[in-house]
Amino acid sequence: MEDMMGHAGMAATVVRYLRSVGAPTTADHPVEAALPRPHLRAVREDERAPVDAAEFRRVLGNFATGVTVVTAPAAHGGAVHEATGPAGPAGFACQSFASLSLDPPLVSFMVARTSTTWPRIARAGVFCVNVLGADQGALCRAFAVSGADKFAGVEYDAAPVTGSPRLAGAPAWIDCAVHAVHTGGDHLIVVGRVAALGTTDEATAPLLFHQGKFGDFTPHGSR
């Protein structure tokens, strides 16, 4: 697709990120370098200390969010790559998904710079955002566990453009190519360009997360 980034564009995006954090790159395999685990402090030592982390989480926990699972396809050729881990599909539970732009169609999500799943998504250069329904809390928990086989027993098919896993039962899905990566403190801000998207035929309530607990959405009557 002319509007989508090709493999060269995806490689260039990741190379820009690697260079921005001081990681080595090579001309032959620009996306093969392991993403670094940088020092996560967002302020200099001579600046005031950040707010207390526990208080930050407590206050921000009052903001209810939707819940998604961001997935990427298996590594090409089925090989295990020493920098990015297993060759199977990758995925992680994500609350920080958001619509970003209508023209061009862009979405975004945030991921911790220490994530072990992100390097595999970066290497793929593509991803699918699976918006979870109210009955998929257990699925979300499974994808929030680090180091486990997150796709064991999970039904999915391939998203139509990128081939990223599209989880069965998800009310909506958004198929994307990595468009840009920005640093944001101890997280990365990943921007995706939408290649395809859709919903299931059945109207399904979304899964919500608020103050450490899952819930669902109850619409109020019209005013």
C-alpha atoms as a PDB file:
ATOM      1  CA  MET A   1       0.000   0.000   0.000  1.00  0.00           C
ATOM      2  CA  GLU A   2       1.405   3.358  -1.046  1.00  0.00           C
ATOM      3  CA  ASP A   3       0.018   5.082   2.053  1.00  0.00           C
ATOM      4  CA  MET A   4       1.610   2.617   4.446  1.00  0.00           C
ATOM      5  CA  MET A   5       5.244   2.491   5.484  1.00  0.00           C
ATOM      6  CA  GLY A   6       7.224  -0.226   3.703  1.00  0.00           C
ATOM      7  CA  HIS A   7       9.859  -2.335   5.400  1.00  0.00           C
ATOM      8  CA  ALA A   8      12.442   0.383   4.755  1.00  0.00           C
ATOM      9  CA  GLY A   9      10.222   2.958   6.434  1.00  0.00           C
ATOM     10  CA  MET A  10       9.625   0.716   9.432  1.00  0.00           C
ATOM     11  CA  ALA A  11      13.358   0.112   9.749  1.00  0.00           C
ATOM     12  CA  ALA A  12      14.047   3.839   9.561  1.00  0.00           C
ATOM     13  CA  THR A  13      11.525   4.522  12.331  1.00  0.00           C
ATOM     14  CA  VAL A  14      13.157   2.027  14.666  1.00  0.00           C
ATOM     15  CA  VAL A  15      16.653   3.204  13.744  1.00  0.00           C
ATOM     16  CA  ARG A  16      15.673   6.769  14.678  1.00  0.00           C
ATOM     17  CA  TYR A  17      14.472   5.500  18.042  1.00  0.00           C
ATOM     18  CA  LEU A  18      17.622   3.444  18.629  1.00  0.00           C
ATOM     19  CA  ARG A  19      19.824   6.402  17.807  1.00  0.00           C
ATOM     20  CA  SER A  20      17.772   8.703  20.042  1.00  0.00           C
ATOM     21  CA  VAL A  21      18.621   6.537  23.057  1.00  0.00           C
ATOM     22  CA  GLY A  22      22.218   5.913  22.044  1.00  0.00           C
ATOM     23  CA  ALA A  23      21.879   2.286  20.966  1.00  0.00           C
ATOM     24  CA  PRO A  24      24.189   0.904  18.268  1.00  0.00           C
ATOM     25  CA  THR A  25      22.795   0.169  14.821  1.00  0.00           C
ATOM     26  CA  THR A  26      24.187  -1.510  11.719  1.00  0.00           C
ATOM     27  CA  ALA A  27      23.633  -0.726   8.071  1.00  0.00           C
ATOM     28  CA  ASP A  28      22.719  -4.293   7.153  1.00  0.00           C
ATOM     29  CA  HIS A  29      20.318  -5.065   9.994  1.00  0.00           C
ATOM     30  CA  PRO A  30      19.061  -1.760  11.396  1.00  0.00           C
ATOM     31  CA  VAL A  31      16.121  -3.255  13.288  1.00  0.00           C
ATOM     32  CA  GLU A  32      18.038  -6.176  14.743  1.00  0.00           C
ATOM     33  CA  ALA A  33      19.762  -4.255  17.548  1.00  0.00           C
ATOM     34  CA  ALA A  34      18.369  -4.876  21.024  1.00  0.00           C
ATOM     35  CA  LEU A  35      16.452  -1.978  22.466  1.00  0.00           C
ATOM     36  CA  PRO A  36      18.326  -0.610  25.473  1.00  0.00           C
ATOM     37  CA  ARG A  37      17.175  -0.467  29.060  1.00  0.00           C
ATOM     38  CA  PRO A  38      17.907   3.220  29.691  1.00  0.00           C
ATOM     39  CA  HIS A  39      18.044   5.010  32.999  1.00  0.00           C
ATOM     40  CA  LEU A  40      14.390   5.798  33.630  1.00  0.00           C
ATOM     41  CA  ARG A  41      14.665   8.976  35.678  1.00  0.00           C
ATOM     42  CA  ALA A  42      12.934  11.803  33.810  1.00  0.00           C
ATOM     43  CA  VAL A  43      14.537  14.710  35.718  1.00  0.00           C
ATOM     44  CA  ARG A  44      18.139  15.592  36.448  1.00  0.00           C
ATOM     45  CA  GLU A  45      19.612  14.999  39.878  1.00  0.00           C
ATOM     46  CA  ASP A  46      19.745  18.759  40.527  1.00  0.00           C
ATOM     47  CA  GLU A  47      16.028  19.169  39.797  1.00  0.00           C
ATOM     48  CA  ARG A  48      13.252  18.663  42.280  1.00  0.00           C
ATOM     49  CA  ALA A  49      12.284  15.075  42.922  1.00  0.00           C
ATOM     50  CA  PRO A  50       9.210  13.707  41.121  1.00  0.00           C
ATOM     51  CA  VAL A  51       5.973  13.280  43.018  1.00  0.00           C
ATOM     52  CA  ASP A  52       5.679  10.147  45.113  1.00  0.00           C
ATOM     53  CA  ALA A  53       5.088   7.181  42.785  1.00  0.00           C
ATOM     54  CA  ALA A  54       2.422   5.615  44.988  1.00  0.00           C
ATOM     55  CA  GLU A  55       0.513   8.897  45.202  1.00  0.00           C
ATOM     56  CA  PHE A  56       0.839   9.367  41.458  1.00  0.00           C
ATOM     57  CA  ARG A  57      -0.709   5.934  40.834  1.00  0.00           C
ATOM     58  CA  ARG A  58      -3.447   6.509  43.421  1.00  0.00           C
ATOM     59  CA  VAL A  59      -4.577   9.805  41.941  1.00  0.00           C
ATOM     60  CA  LEU A  60      -4.293   8.747  38.296  1.00  0.00           C
ATOM     61  CA  GLY A  61      -6.173   5.568  39.147  1.00  0.00           C
ATOM     62  CA  ASN A  62      -9.306   7.691  39.344  1.00  0.00           C
ATOM     63  CA  PHE A  63      -9.215   8.025  35.583  1.00  0.00           C
ATOM     64  CA  ALA A  64     -11.132   5.104  34.064  1.00  0.00           C
ATOM     65  CA  THR A  65      -9.740   3.656  30.854  1.00  0.00           C
ATOM     66  CA  GLY A  66     -10.643   1.107  28.272  1.00  0.00           C
ATOM     67  CA  VAL A  67      -8.498  -2.019  27.981  1.00  0.00           C
ATOM     68  CA  THR A  68      -6.757  -3.390  24.901  1.00  0.00           C
ATOM     69  CA  VAL A  69      -4.295  -6.081  23.919  1.00  0.00           C
ATOM     70  CA  VAL A  70      -1.648  -4.961  21.449  1.00  0.00           C
ATOM     71  CA  THR A  71      -0.343  -7.836  19.315  1.00  0.00           C
ATOM     72  CA  ALA A  72       2.303  -8.357  16.641  1.00  0.00           C
ATOM     73  CA  PRO A  73       2.949 -11.304  14.305  1.00  0.00           C
ATOM     74  CA  ALA A  74       5.548 -14.018  14.786  1.00  0.00           C
ATOM     75  CA  ALA A  75       9.129 -13.356  13.767  1.00  0.00           C
ATOM     76  CA  HIS A  76       9.827 -13.970  10.081  1.00  0.00           C
ATOM     77  CA  GLY A  77      10.926 -17.514   9.358  1.00  0.00           C
ATOM     78  CA  GLY A  78      10.136 -18.785  12.843  1.00  0.00           C
ATOM     79  CA  ALA A  79      13.623 -18.176  14.230  1.00  0.00           C
ATOM     80  CA  VAL A  80      14.320 -17.152  17.796  1.00  0.00           C
ATOM     81  CA  HIS A  81      16.128 -13.826  17.811  1.00  0.00           C
ATOM     82  CA  GLU A  82      18.569 -13.311  20.659  1.00  0.00           C
ATOM     83  CA  ALA A  83      17.639  -9.642  21.086  1.00  0.00           C
ATOM     84  CA  THR A  84      13.872  -9.904  20.901  1.00  0.00           C
ATOM     85  CA  GLY A  85      13.172 -13.364  22.304  1.00  0.00           C
ATOM     86  CA  PRO A  86      10.721 -16.059  21.189  1.00  0.00           C
ATOM     87  CA  ALA A  87       9.615 -16.334  17.595  1.00  0.00           C
ATOM     88  CA  GLY A  88       5.892 -16.706  18.281  1.00  0.00           C
ATOM     89  CA  PRO A  89       3.426 -13.823  18.162  1.00  0.00           C
ATOM     90  CA  ALA A  90       3.856 -11.046  20.717  1.00  0.00           C
ATOM     91  CA  GLY A  91       1.267  -9.236  22.784  1.00  0.00           C
ATOM     92  CA  PHE A  92       0.686  -7.252  25.953  1.00  0.00           C
ATOM     93  CA  ALA A  93      -2.249  -5.747  27.854  1.00  0.00           C
ATOM     94  CA  CYS A  94      -2.450  -1.989  27.332  1.00  0.00           C
ATOM     95  CA  GLN A  95      -4.644   0.697  28.916  1.00  0.00           C
ATOM     96  CA  SER A  96      -2.946   3.651  27.263  1.00  0.00           C
ATOM     97  CA  PHE A  97      -4.393   3.263  23.778  1.00  0.00           C
ATOM     98  CA  ALA A  98      -5.918   6.367  22.174  1.00  0.00           C
ATOM     99  CA  SER A  99      -7.173   7.719  18.885  1.00  0.00           C
ATOM    100  CA  LEU A 100      -4.728  10.364  17.676  1.00  0.00           C
ATOM    101  CA  SER A 101      -5.549  11.677  14.201  1.00  0.00           C
ATOM    102  CA  LEU A 102      -8.329  11.346  11.636  1.00  0.00           C
ATOM    103  CA  ASP A 103      -6.360  12.582   8.617  1.00  0.00           C
ATOM    104  CA  PRO A 104      -4.102  10.681   8.332  1.00  0.00           C
ATOM    105  CA  PRO A 105      -5.650   7.946  10.479  1.00  0.00           C
ATOM    106  CA  LEU A 106      -3.308   7.547  13.450  1.00  0.00           C
ATOM    107  CA  VAL A 107      -3.594   5.880  16.842  1.00  0.00           C
ATOM    108  CA  SER A 108      -1.174   5.708  19.746  1.00  0.00           C
ATOM    109  CA  PHE A 109      -0.277   3.640  22.767  1.00  0.00           C
ATOM    110  CA  MET A 110       2.311   3.896  25.517  1.00  0.00           C
ATOM    111  CA  VAL A 111       4.630   1.100  26.605  1.00  0.00           C
ATOM    112  CA  ALA A 112       7.222   0.923  29.373  1.00  0.00           C
ATOM    113  CA  ARG A 113      10.801   1.253  28.168  1.00  0.00           C
ATOM    114  CA  THR A 114      11.587  -1.890  30.181  1.00  0.00           C
ATOM    115  CA  SER A 115       8.966  -3.955  28.337  1.00  0.00           C
ATOM    116  CA  THR A 116      10.233  -7.251  26.946  1.00  0.00           C
ATOM    117  CA  THR A 117       7.368  -7.381  24.438  1.00  0.00           C
ATOM    118  CA  TRP A 118       7.947  -3.985  22.846  1.00  0.00           C
ATOM    119  CA  PRO A 119      11.243  -4.944  21.104  1.00  0.00           C
ATOM    120  CA  ARG A 120       9.392  -7.752  19.334  1.00  0.00           C
ATOM    121  CA  ILE A 121       6.664  -5.366  18.186  1.00  0.00           C
ATOM    122  CA  ALA A 122       9.299  -2.858  17.063  1.00  0.00           C
ATOM    123  CA  ARG A 123      11.089  -5.548  15.089  1.00  0.00           C
ATOM    124  CA  ALA A 124       7.824  -6.560  13.383  1.00  0.00           C
ATOM    125  CA  GLY A 125       7.077  -2.932  12.578  1.00  0.00           C
ATOM    126  CA  VAL A 126       3.332  -3.613  12.738  1.00  0.00           C
ATOM    127  CA  PHE A 127       0.689  -4.285  15.369  1.00  0.00           C
ATOM    128  CA  CYS A 128      -3.007  -4.837  15.961  1.00  0.00           C
ATOM    129  CA  VAL A 129      -4.922  -3.192  18.793  1.00  0.00           C
ATOM    130  CA  ASN A 130      -7.621  -5.524  20.134  1.00  0.00           C
ATOM    131  CA  VAL A 131     -10.266  -3.619  22.116  1.00  0.00           C
ATOM    132  CA  LEU A 132     -11.491  -5.966  24.856  1.00  0.00           C
ATOM    133  CA  GLY A 133     -15.078  -6.592  25.842  1.00  0.00           C
ATOM    134  CA  ALA A 134     -16.554  -6.650  29.339  1.00  0.00           C
ATOM    135  CA  ASP A 135     -16.277 -10.455  29.541  1.00  0.00           C
ATOM    136  CA  GLN A 136     -12.573 -10.565  28.620  1.00  0.00           C
ATOM    137  CA  GLY A 137     -10.983  -9.659  31.952  1.00  0.00           C
ATOM    138  CA  ALA A 138      -9.299 -13.060  32.210  1.00  0.00           C
ATOM    139  CA  LEU A 139      -7.820 -12.594  28.735  1.00  0.00           C
ATOM    140  CA  CYS A 140      -6.437  -9.230  29.776  1.00  0.00           C
ATOM    141  CA  ARG A 141      -4.817 -10.752  32.874  1.00  0.00           C
ATOM    142  CA  ALA A 142      -3.209 -13.465  30.749  1.00  0.00           C
ATOM    143  CA  PHE A 143      -1.588 -10.866  28.505  1.00  0.00           C
ATOM    144  CA  ALA A 144      -0.416  -8.845  31.510  1.00  0.00           C
ATOM    145  CA  VAL A 145       1.814 -11.692  32.740  1.00  0.00           C
ATOM    146  CA  SER A 146       5.467 -11.378  31.770  1.00  0.00           C
ATOM    147  CA  GLY A 147       7.354 -14.418  30.505  1.00  0.00           C
ATOM    148  CA  ALA A 148       4.335 -16.682  30.005  1.00  0.00           C
ATOM    149  CA  ASP A 149       3.040 -18.159  26.744  1.00  0.00           C
ATOM    150  CA  LYS A 150       0.327 -15.543  26.423  1.00  0.00           C
ATOM    151  CA  PHE A 151      -1.258 -17.111  23.345  1.00  0.00           C
ATOM    152  CA  ALA A 152      -1.705 -20.589  24.836  1.00  0.00           C
ATOM    153  CA  GLY A 153      -5.337 -21.552  24.342  1.00  0.00           C
ATOM    154  CA  VAL A 154      -6.197 -18.152  22.843  1.00  0.00           C
ATOM    155  CA  GLU A 155      -8.228 -18.167  19.633  1.00  0.00           C
ATOM    156  CA  TYR A 156      -7.193 -15.638  17.007  1.00  0.00           C
ATOM    157  CA  ASP A 157      -6.795 -15.080  13.297  1.00  0.00           C
ATOM    158  CA  ALA A 158      -4.585 -12.780  11.215  1.00  0.00           C
ATOM    159  CA  ALA A 159      -5.474  -9.116  10.804  1.00  0.00           C
ATOM    160  CA  PRO A 160      -6.000  -8.459   7.098  1.00  0.00           C
ATOM    161  CA  VAL A 161      -3.058  -6.154   6.311  1.00  0.00           C
ATOM    162  CA  THR A 162      -0.279  -6.819   8.842  1.00  0.00           C
ATOM    163  CA  GLY A 163      -1.043 -10.399   9.859  1.00  0.00           C
ATOM    164  CA  SER A 164      -0.942  -9.438  13.532  1.00  0.00           C
ATOM    165  CA  PRO A 165      -3.114 -11.601  15.822  1.00  0.00           C
ATOM    166  CA  ARG A 166      -6.735 -10.497  15.895  1.00  0.00           C
ATOM    167  CA  LEU A 167      -8.215 -11.943  19.073  1.00  0.00           C
ATOM    168  CA  ALA A 168     -11.518 -13.775  18.907  1.00  0.00           C
ATOM    169  CA  GLY A 169     -14.355 -12.011  20.695  1.00  0.00           C
ATOM    170  CA  ALA A 170     -12.741  -8.567  20.763  1.00  0.00           C
ATOM    171  CA  PRO A 171     -15.449  -5.989  20.002  1.00  0.00           C
ATOM    172  CA  ALA A 172     -13.097  -3.940  17.804  1.00  0.00           C
ATOM    173  CA  TRP A 173      -9.660  -4.204  16.204  1.00  0.00           C
ATOM    174  CA  ILE A 174      -7.292  -1.704  14.581  1.00  0.00           C
ATOM    175  CA  ASP A 175      -4.557  -3.003  12.246  1.00  0.00           C
ATOM    176  CA  CYS A 176      -1.521  -0.695  12.087  1.00  0.00           C
ATOM    177  CA  ALA A 177       2.031  -0.088  10.956  1.00  0.00           C
ATOM    178  CA  VAL A 178       4.502   1.614  13.291  1.00  0.00           C
ATOM    179  CA  HIS A 179       4.546   5.257  12.185  1.00  0.00           C
ATOM    180  CA  ALA A 180       6.706   6.938  14.837  1.00  0.00           C
ATOM    181  CA  VAL A 181       8.204   6.322  18.282  1.00  0.00           C
ATOM    182  CA  HIS A 182       8.754   9.103  20.825  1.00  0.00           C
ATOM    183  CA  THR A 183      10.291   9.035  24.289  1.00  0.00           C
ATOM    184  CA  GLY A 184       8.134   9.995  27.264  1.00  0.00           C
ATOM    185  CA  GLY A 185       9.947   9.609  30.569  1.00  0.00           C
ATOM    186  CA  ASP A 186      10.027   5.939  31.529  1.00  0.00           C
ATOM    187  CA  HIS A 187       7.663   5.067  28.650  1.00  0.00           C
ATOM    188  CA  LEU A 188       7.678   5.193  24.863  1.00  0.00           C
ATOM    189  CA  ILE A 189       4.878   6.788  22.868  1.00  0.00           C
ATOM    190  CA  VAL A 190       4.181   4.614  19.839  1.00  0.00           C
ATOM    191  CA  VAL A 191       2.197   6.078  16.949  1.00  0.00           C
ATOM    192  CA  GLY A 192       0.572   3.707  14.485  1.00  0.00           C
ATOM    193  CA  ARG A 193      -0.835   4.419  11.044  1.00  0.00           C
ATOM    194  CA  VAL A 194      -4.122   2.574  10.571  1.00  0.00           C
ATOM    195  CA  ALA A 195      -4.261   0.152   7.646  1.00  0.00           C
ATOM    196  CA  ALA A 196      -7.572  -1.534   8.446  1.00  0.00           C
ATOM    197  CA  LEU A 197     -10.074  -1.697  11.277  1.00  0.00           C
ATOM    198  CA  GLY A 198     -13.399  -3.181  12.156  1.00  0.00           C
ATOM    199  CA  THR A 199     -15.887  -4.347  14.774  1.00  0.00           C
ATOM    200  CA  THR A 200     -17.729  -7.551  15.538  1.00  0.00           C
ATOM    201  CA  ASP A 201     -21.319  -7.958  14.415  1.00  0.00           C
ATOM    202  CA  GLU A 202     -22.627  -8.057  17.972  1.00  0.00           C
ATOM    203  CA  ALA A 203     -22.883  -5.002  20.194  1.00  0.00           C
ATOM    204  CA  THR A 204     -20.563  -5.709  23.134  1.00  0.00           C
ATOM    205  CA  ALA A 205     -19.957  -3.595  26.225  1.00  0.00           C
ATOM    206  CA  PRO A 206     -16.314  -2.563  26.702  1.00  0.00           C
ATOM    207  CA  LEU A 207     -14.006  -3.725  29.460  1.00  0.00           C
ATOM    208  CA  LEU A 208     -13.055  -0.824  31.732  1.00  0.00           C
ATOM    209  CA  PHE A 209     -10.291  -0.419  34.317  1.00  0.00           C
ATOM    210  CA  HIS A 210     -10.657   1.867  37.334  1.00  0.00           C
ATOM    211  CA  GLN A 211      -8.719   2.014  40.625  1.00  0.00           C
ATOM    212  CA  GLY A 212      -7.105  -1.363  40.038  1.00  0.00           C
ATOM    213  CA  LYS A 213     -10.325  -3.194  39.178  1.00  0.00           C
ATOM    214  CA  PHE A 214     -12.122  -4.276  36.033  1.00  0.00           C
ATOM    215  CA  GLY A 215     -15.672  -3.156  35.340  1.00  0.00           C
ATOM    216  CA  ASP A 216     -18.105  -2.610  32.533  1.00  0.00           C
ATOM    217  CA  PHE A 217     -20.081   0.286  31.092  1.00  0.00           C
ATOM    218  CA  THR A 218     -23.657   1.081  32.013  1.00  0.00           C
ATOM    219  CA  PRO A 219     -25.141   3.783  29.773  1.00  0.00           C
ATOM    220  CA  HIS A 220     -27.296   6.475  31.354  1.00  0.00           C
ATOM    221  CA  GLY A 221     -30.637   7.422  29.877  1.00  0.00           C
ATOM    222  CA  SER A 222     -30.648  10.231  27.336  1.00  0.00           C
ATOM    223  CA  ARG A 223     -30.965  13.714  28.837  1.00  0.00           C
END
